[in-house]
PDB file of N, CA and C in Angstrom:
ATOM      1  N   MET A   1      74.708  28.631-183.759  1.00  0.00           N
ATOM      2  CA  MET A   1      76.081  28.197-183.751  1.00  0.00           C
ATOM      3  C   MET A   1      76.514  27.916-182.319  1.00  0.00           C
ATOM      4  N   LYS A   2      77.361  26.934-182.165  1.00  0.00           N
ATOM      5  CA  LYS A   2      77.880  26.612-180.835  1.00  0.00           C
ATOM      6  C   LYS A   2      79.346  27.034-180.751  1.00  0.00           C
ATOM      7  N   ILE A   3      79.657  27.753-179.660  1.00  0.00           N
ATOM      8  CA  ILE A   3      81.000  28.233-179.392  1.00  0.00           C
ATOM      9  C   ILE A   3      81.425  27.705-178.030  1.00  0.00           C
ATOM     10  N   GLU A   4      82.631  27.152-177.948  1.00  0.00           N
ATOM     11  CA  GLU A   4      83.174  26.711-176.655  1.00  0.00           C
ATOM     12  C   GLU A   4      83.924  27.885-176.050  1.00  0.00           C
ATOM     13  N   VAL A   5      83.509  28.296-174.870  1.00  0.00           N
ATOM     14  CA  VAL A   5      84.104  29.446-174.191  1.00  0.00           C
ATOM     15  C   VAL A   5      84.856  28.975-172.952  1.00  0.00           C
ATOM     16  N   ASN A   6      86.106  29.402-172.841  1.00  0.00           N
ATOM     17  CA  ASN A   6      86.934  29.119-171.668  1.00  0.00           C
ATOM     18  C   ASN A   6      87.315  30.456-171.049  1.00  0.00           C
ATOM     19  N   LEU A   7      86.868  30.699-169.843  1.00  0.00           N
ATOM     20  CA  LEU A   7      87.199  31.930-169.127  1.00  0.00           C
ATOM     21  C   LEU A   7      88.117  31.541-167.974  1.00  0.00           C
ATOM     22  N   TYR A   8      89.308  32.127-167.949  1.00  0.00           N
ATOM     23  CA  TYR A   8      90.329  31.712-166.999  1.00  0.00           C
ATOM     24  C   TYR A   8      90.502  32.688-165.844  1.00  0.00           C
ATOM     25  N   ALA A   9      91.088  32.162-164.763  1.00  0.00           N
ATOM     26  CA  ALA A   9      91.424  32.924-163.548  1.00  0.00           C
ATOM     27  C   ALA A   9      90.171  33.629-163.023  1.00  0.00           C
ATOM     28  N   THR A  10      90.258  34.920-162.774  1.00  0.00           N
ATOM     29  CA  THR A  10      89.144  35.657-162.168  1.00  0.00           C
ATOM     30  C   THR A  10      87.923  35.747-163.084  1.00  0.00           C
ATOM     31  N   LEU A  11      88.105  35.500-164.381  1.00  0.00           N
ATOM     32  CA  LEU A  11      86.969  35.564-165.310  1.00  0.00           C
ATOM     33  C   LEU A  11      86.055  34.346-165.199  1.00  0.00           C
ATOM     34  N   SER A  12      86.523  33.291-164.555  1.00  0.00           N
ATOM     35  CA  SER A  12      85.707  32.078-164.456  1.00  0.00           C
ATOM     36  C   SER A  12      84.387  32.322-163.729  1.00  0.00           C
ATOM     37  N   ARG A  13      84.308  33.396-162.953  1.00  0.00           N
ATOM     38  CA  ARG A  13      83.049  33.693-162.254  1.00  0.00           C
ATOM     39  C   ARG A  13      81.916  34.046-163.219  1.00  0.00           C
ATOM     40  N   TYR A  14      82.250  34.336-164.479  1.00  0.00           N
ATOM     41  CA  TYR A  14      81.223  34.675-165.466  1.00  0.00           C
ATOM     42  C   TYR A  14      80.694  33.458-166.216  1.00  0.00           C
ATOM     43  N   ILE A  15      81.242  32.280-165.912  1.00  0.00           N
ATOM     44  CA  ILE A  15      80.715  31.046-166.504  1.00  0.00           C
ATOM     45  C   ILE A  15      79.372  30.760-165.828  1.00  0.00           C
ATOM     46  N   PRO A  16      78.325  30.532-166.629  1.00  0.00           N
ATOM     47  CA  PRO A  16      76.999  30.277-166.039  1.00  0.00           C
ATOM     48  C   PRO A  16      76.989  29.067-165.107  1.00  0.00           C
ATOM     49  N   ASP A  17      76.134  29.110-164.114  1.00  0.00           N
ATOM     50  CA  ASP A  17      75.974  27.996-163.180  1.00  0.00           C
ATOM     51  C   ASP A  17      75.661  26.720-163.941  1.00  0.00           C
ATOM     52  N   GLY A  18      76.152  25.637-163.418  1.00  0.00           N
ATOM     53  CA  GLY A  18      75.889  24.348-164.039  1.00  0.00           C
ATOM     54  C   GLY A  18      76.988  23.907-164.984  1.00  0.00           C
ATOM     55  N   SER A  19      77.908  24.796-165.330  1.00  0.00           N
ATOM     56  CA  SER A  19      79.024  24.428-166.196  1.00  0.00           C
ATOM     57  C   SER A  19      80.141  23.855-165.342  1.00  0.00           C
ATOM     58  N   LYS A  20      80.923  22.981-165.937  1.00  0.00           N
ATOM     59  CA  LYS A  20      82.031  22.372-165.199  1.00  0.00           C
ATOM     60  C   LYS A  20      83.329  23.098-165.521  1.00  0.00           C
ATOM     61  N   GLY A  21      84.119  23.380-164.506  1.00  0.00           N
ATOM     62  CA  GLY A  21      85.416  24.017-164.709  1.00  0.00           C
ATOM     63  C   GLY A  21      85.305  25.407-165.301  1.00  0.00           C
ATOM     64  N   THR A  22      86.197  25.701-166.224  1.00  0.00           N
ATOM     65  CA  THR A  22      86.224  27.027-166.844  1.00  0.00           C
ATOM     66  C   THR A  22      85.546  27.043-168.202  1.00  0.00           C
ATOM     67  N   THR A  23      85.009  25.901-168.636  1.00  0.00           N
ATOM     68  CA  THR A  23      84.473  25.770-169.989  1.00  0.00           C
ATOM     69  C   THR A  23      82.951  25.797-170.015  1.00  0.00           C
ATOM     70  N   HIS A  24      82.435  26.449-171.053  1.00  0.00           N
ATOM     71  CA  HIS A  24      80.995  26.521-171.251  1.00  0.00           C
ATOM     72  C   HIS A  24      80.729  26.573-172.749  1.00  0.00           C
ATOM     73  N   THR A  25      79.702  25.882-173.208  1.00  0.00           N
ATOM     74  CA  THR A  25      79.299  25.954-174.608  1.00  0.00           C
ATOM     75  C   THR A  25      78.122  26.917-174.714  1.00  0.00           C
ATOM     76  N   VAL A  26      78.241  27.869-175.654  1.00  0.00           N
ATOM     77  CA  VAL A  26      77.253  28.930-175.813  1.00  0.00           C
ATOM     78  C   VAL A  26      76.672  28.873-177.216  1.00  0.00           C
ATOM     79  N   ASP A  27      75.366  29.069-177.324  1.00  0.00           N
ATOM     80  CA  ASP A  27      74.720  29.217-178.627  1.00  0.00           C
ATOM     81  C   ASP A  27      74.666  30.695-178.967  1.00  0.00           C
ATOM     82  N   VAL A  28      75.150  31.060-180.152  1.00  0.00           N
ATOM     83  CA  VAL A  28      75.124  32.454-180.596  1.00  0.00           C
ATOM     84  C   VAL A  28      74.584  32.525-182.020  1.00  0.00           C
ATOM     85  N   LYS A  29      74.125  33.706-182.396  1.00  0.00           N
ATOM     86  CA  LYS A  29      73.641  33.935-183.757  1.00  0.00           C
ATOM     87  C   LYS A  29      74.817  34.129-184.704  1.00  0.00           C
ATOM     88  N   GLU A  30      74.614  33.810-185.966  1.00  0.00           N
ATOM     89  CA  GLU A  30      75.648  34.066-186.972  1.00  0.00           C
ATOM     90  C   GLU A  30      75.953  35.551-186.998  1.00  0.00           C
ATOM     91  N   GLY A  31      77.219  35.884-187.180  1.00  0.00           N
ATOM     92  CA  GLY A  31      77.633  37.277-187.226  1.00  0.00           C
ATOM     93  C   GLY A  31      78.018  37.853-185.876  1.00  0.00           C
ATOM     94  N   THR A  32      77.901  37.060-184.801  1.00  0.00           N
ATOM     95  CA  THR A  32      78.264  37.529-183.466  1.00  0.00           C
ATOM     96  C   THR A  32      79.774  37.680-183.366  1.00  0.00           C
ATOM     97  N   THR A  33      80.232  38.790-182.771  1.00  0.00           N
ATOM     98  CA  THR A  33      81.661  39.004-182.568  1.00  0.00           C
ATOM     99  C   THR A  33      82.075  38.515-181.181  1.00  0.00           C
ATOM    100  N   VAL A  34      83.373  38.431-180.983  1.00  0.00           N
ATOM    101  CA  VAL A  34      83.911  38.041-179.684  1.00  0.00           C
ATOM    102  C   VAL A  34      83.418  39.010-178.612  1.00  0.00           C
ATOM    103  N   SER A  35      83.496  40.318-178.883  1.00  0.00           N
ATOM    104  CA  SER A  35      83.058  41.324-177.901  1.00  0.00           C
ATOM    105  C   SER A  35      81.586  41.180-177.554  1.00  0.00           C
ATOM    106  N   GLU A  36      80.763  40.905-178.546  1.00  0.00           N
ATOM    107  CA  GLU A  36      79.328  40.742-178.293  1.00  0.00           C
ATOM    108  C   GLU A  36      79.063  39.527-177.411  1.00  0.00           C
ATOM    109  N   LEU A  37      79.799  38.448-177.646  1.00  0.00           N
ATOM    110  CA  LEU A  37      79.625  37.252-176.824  1.00  0.00           C
ATOM    111  C   LEU A  37      80.060  37.518-175.387  1.00  0.00           C
ATOM    112  N   LEU A  38      81.192  38.183-175.211  1.00  0.00           N
ATOM    113  CA  LEU A  38      81.660  38.477-173.857  1.00  0.00           C
ATOM    114  C   LEU A  38      80.680  39.384-173.128  1.00  0.00           C
ATOM    115  N   LYS A  39      80.108  40.339-173.837  1.00  0.00           N
ATOM    116  CA  LYS A  39      79.098  41.226-173.238  1.00  0.00           C
ATOM    117  C   LYS A  39      77.877  40.406-172.819  1.00  0.00           C
ATOM    118  N   GLN A  40      77.463  39.467-173.669  1.00  0.00           N
ATOM    119  CA  GLN A  40      76.321  38.589-173.371  1.00  0.00           C
ATOM    120  C   GLN A  40      76.575  37.799-172.094  1.00  0.00           C
ATOM    121  N   LEU A  41      77.823  37.405-171.857  1.00  0.00           N
ATOM    122  CA  LEU A  41      78.179  36.646-170.657  1.00  0.00           C
ATOM    123  C   LEU A  41      78.394  37.534-169.440  1.00  0.00           C
ATOM    124  N   GLY A  42      78.414  38.853-169.654  1.00  0.00           N
ATOM    125  CA  GLY A  42      78.586  39.781-168.542  1.00  0.00           C
ATOM    126  C   GLY A  42      80.036  40.096-168.216  1.00  0.00           C
ATOM    127  N   VAL A  43      80.955  39.723-169.106  1.00  0.00           N
ATOM    128  CA  VAL A  43      82.378  39.977-168.888  1.00  0.00           C
ATOM    129  C   VAL A  43      82.680  41.430-169.254  1.00  0.00           C
ATOM    130  N   PRO A  44      83.158  42.242-168.305  1.00  0.00           N
ATOM    131  CA  PRO A  44      83.511  43.630-168.613  1.00  0.00           C
ATOM    132  C   PRO A  44      84.635  43.688-169.658  1.00  0.00           C
ATOM    133  N   ALA A  45      84.512  44.579-170.629  1.00  0.00           N
ATOM    134  CA  ALA A  45      85.478  44.677-171.728  1.00  0.00           C
ATOM    135  C   ALA A  45      86.905  44.849-171.218  1.00  0.00           C
ATOM    136  N   GLU A  46      87.081  45.657-170.169  1.00  0.00           N
ATOM    137  CA  GLU A  46      88.427  45.920-169.661  1.00  0.00           C
ATOM    138  C   GLU A  46      89.025  44.713-168.939  1.00  0.00           C
ATOM    139  N   SER A  47      88.205  43.708-168.656  1.00  0.00           N
ATOM    140  CA  SER A  47      88.685  42.516-167.960  1.00  0.00           C
ATOM    141  C   SER A  47      89.205  41.443-168.908  1.00  0.00           C
ATOM    142  N   ALA A  48      88.918  41.567-170.195  1.00  0.00           N
ATOM    143  CA  ALA A  48      89.358  40.589-171.188  1.00  0.00           C
ATOM    144  C   ALA A  48      90.646  41.089-171.837  1.00  0.00           C
ATOM    145  N   LYS A  49      91.786  40.702-171.268  1.00  0.00           N
ATOM    146  CA  LYS A  49      93.078  41.214-171.733  1.00  0.00           C
ATOM    147  C   LYS A  49      93.637  40.397-172.892  1.00  0.00           C
ATOM    148  N   LEU A  50      93.655  39.081-172.741  1.00  0.00           N
ATOM    149  CA  LEU A  50      94.166  38.200-173.782  1.00  0.00           C
ATOM    150  C   LEU A  50      93.036  37.344-174.322  1.00  0.00           C
ATOM    151  N   ILE A  51      92.876  37.364-175.642  1.00  0.00           N
ATOM    152  CA  ILE A  51      91.812  36.609-176.289  1.00  0.00           C
ATOM    153  C   ILE A  51      92.439  35.679-177.322  1.00  0.00           C
ATOM    154  N   PHE A  52      92.081  34.399-177.222  1.00  0.00           N
ATOM    155  CA  PHE A  52      92.550  33.415-178.183  1.00  0.00           C
ATOM    156  C   PHE A  52      91.342  32.741-178.830  1.00  0.00           C
ATOM    157  N   LEU A  53      91.381  32.631-180.138  1.00  0.00           N
ATOM    158  CA  LEU A  53      90.313  31.969-180.878  1.00  0.00           C
ATOM    159  C   LEU A  53      90.957  30.802-181.623  1.00  0.00           C
ATOM    160  N   ASP A  54      90.549  29.594-181.281  1.00  0.00           N
ATOM    161  CA  ASP A  54      91.131  28.373-181.844  1.00  0.00           C
ATOM    162  C   ASP A  54      92.649  28.373-181.701  1.00  0.00           C
ATOM    163  N   GLY A  55      93.140  28.848-180.549  1.00  0.00           N
ATOM    164  CA  GLY A  55      94.557  28.815-180.246  1.00  0.00           C
ATOM    165  C   GLY A  55      95.385  29.954-180.827  1.00  0.00           C
ATOM    166  N   MET A  56      94.752  30.868-181.550  1.00  0.00           N
ATOM    167  CA  MET A  56      95.465  31.995-182.156  1.00  0.00           C
ATOM    168  C   MET A  56      95.010  33.291-181.495  1.00  0.00           C
ATOM    169  N   HIS A  57      95.961  34.217-181.293  1.00  0.00           N
ATOM    170  CA  HIS A  57      95.619  35.511-180.696  1.00  0.00           C
ATOM    171  C   HIS A  57      94.550  36.187-181.545  1.00  0.00           C
ATOM    172  N   SER A  58      93.575  36.780-180.903  1.00  0.00           N
ATOM    173  CA  SER A  58      92.452  37.402-181.596  1.00  0.00           C
ATOM    174  C   SER A  58      92.082  38.699-180.896  1.00  0.00           C
ATOM    175  N   ASN A  59      91.049  39.363-181.409  1.00  0.00           N
ATOM    176  CA  ASN A  59      90.546  40.581-180.767  1.00  0.00           C
ATOM    177  C   ASN A  59      89.035  40.544-180.731  1.00  0.00           C
ATOM    178  N   GLY A  60      88.450  41.560-180.125  1.00  0.00           N
ATOM    179  CA  GLY A  60      87.010  41.596-179.924  1.00  0.00           C
ATOM    180  C   GLY A  60      86.178  41.775-181.176  1.00  0.00           C
ATOM    181  N   ASP A  61      86.815  42.219-182.263  1.00  0.00           N
ATOM    182  CA  ASP A  61      86.078  42.472-183.501  1.00  0.00           C
ATOM    183  C   ASP A  61      85.923  41.233-184.376  1.00  0.00           C
ATOM    184  N   THR A  62      86.566  40.156-184.007  1.00  0.00           N
ATOM    185  CA  THR A  62      86.524  38.937-184.810  1.00  0.00           C
ATOM    186  C   THR A  62      85.131  38.316-184.770  1.00  0.00           C
ATOM    187  N   VAL A  63      84.620  37.967-185.941  1.00  0.00           N
ATOM    188  CA  VAL A  63      83.307  37.320-186.050  1.00  0.00           C
ATOM    189  C   VAL A  63      83.481  35.828-185.794  1.00  0.00           C
ATOM    190  N   LEU A  64      82.660  35.303-184.910  1.00  0.00           N
ATOM    191  CA  LEU A  64      82.727  33.896-184.536  1.00  0.00           C
ATOM    192  C   LEU A  64      82.116  32.993-185.599  1.00  0.00           C
ATOM    193  N   LYS A  65      82.628  31.758-185.652  1.00  0.00           N
ATOM    194  CA  LYS A  65      82.111  30.747-186.572  1.00  0.00           C
ATOM    195  C   LYS A  65      81.759  29.508-185.767  1.00  0.00           C
ATOM    196  N   ASP A  66      80.820  28.731-186.259  1.00  0.00           N
ATOM    197  CA  ASP A  66      80.380  27.529-185.571  1.00  0.00           C
ATOM    198  C   ASP A  66      81.567  26.647-185.223  1.00  0.00           C
ATOM    199  N   GLY A  67      81.624  26.206-183.971  1.00  0.00           N
ATOM    200  CA  GLY A  67      82.666  25.302-183.519  1.00  0.00           C
ATOM    201  C   GLY A  67      83.922  25.985-183.006  1.00  0.00           C
ATOM    202  N   ASN A  68      83.980  27.326-183.047  1.00  0.00           N
ATOM    203  CA  ASN A  68      85.150  28.030-182.524  1.00  0.00           C
ATOM    204  C   ASN A  68      85.364  27.714-181.056  1.00  0.00           C
ATOM    205  N   ARG A  69      86.638  27.773-180.633  1.00  0.00           N
ATOM    206  CA  ARG A  69      87.008  27.640-179.228  1.00  0.00           C
ATOM    207  C   ARG A  69      87.611  28.971-178.819  1.00  0.00           C
ATOM    208  N   LEU A  70      86.988  29.630-177.849  1.00  0.00           N
ATOM    209  CA  LEU A  70      87.404  30.943-177.393  1.00  0.00           C
ATOM    210  C   LEU A  70      88.001  30.839-176.002  1.00  0.00           C
ATOM    211  N   GLY A  71      89.192  31.371-175.822  1.00  0.00           N
ATOM    212  CA  GLY A  71      89.840  31.412-174.521  1.00  0.00           C
ATOM    213  C   GLY A  71      90.120  32.853-174.149  1.00  0.00           C
ATOM    214  N   VAL A  72      89.738  33.254-172.931  1.00  0.00           N
ATOM    215  CA  VAL A  72      89.900  34.643-172.511  1.00  0.00           C
ATOM    216  C   VAL A  72      90.584  34.684-171.146  1.00  0.00           C
ATOM    217  N   PHE A  73      91.603  35.532-171.044  1.00  0.00           N
ATOM    218  CA  PHE A  73      92.372  35.708-169.814  1.00  0.00           C
ATOM    219  C   PHE A  73      92.267  37.152-169.345  1.00  0.00           C
ATOM    220  N   PRO A  74      92.244  37.357-168.027  1.00  0.00           N
ATOM    221  CA  PRO A  74      92.247  38.713-167.483  1.00  0.00           C
ATOM    222  C   PRO A  74      93.666  39.280-167.501  1.00  0.00           C
ATOM    223  N   PRO A  75      93.829  40.585-167.194  1.00  0.00           N
ATOM    224  CA  PRO A  75      95.181  41.129-167.041  1.00  0.00           C
ATOM    225  C   PRO A  75      95.892  40.370-165.924  1.00  0.00           C
ATOM    226  N   VAL A  76      97.186  40.161-166.097  1.00  0.00           N
ATOM    227  CA  VAL A  76      97.950  39.410-165.115  1.00  0.00           C
ATOM    228  C   VAL A  76      99.040  40.302-164.536  1.00  0.00           C
ATOM    229  N   GLY A  77      99.230  40.201-163.258  1.00  0.00           N
ATOM    230  CA  GLY A  77     100.289  40.963-162.608  1.00  0.00           C
ATOM    231  C   GLY A  77     101.228  40.019-161.895  1.00  0.00           C
ATOM    232  N   GLY A  78     102.345  40.519-161.555  1.00  0.00           N
ATOM    233  CA  GLY A  78     103.284  39.676-160.825  1.00  0.00           C
ATOM    234  C   GLY A  78     104.664  40.278-160.886  1.00  0.00           C
ATOM    235  N   GLY A  79     105.583  39.589-160.336  1.00  0.00           N
ATOM    236  CA  GLY A  79     106.934  40.115-160.369  1.00  0.00           C
ATOM    237  C   GLY A  79     107.949  39.134-159.931  1.00  0.00           C
TER     238      GLY A  79
END
């Protein structure tokens, strides 16, 4: 299955070399969860604060499906 992964802000460093911008297409096995994919990419669990799957808020337990678009944001601070 192919999943489009977008890692934003400080998480973009986990996008494999050779990818353009913040987006990368990943091949995963059926039954893979969001958390398993992020672990495969080396993204620390505590660094993935906001997770969106096909534009909808999601969590790490969600099972991915072919063609999903995953967007992950780190914790944000400011004032």
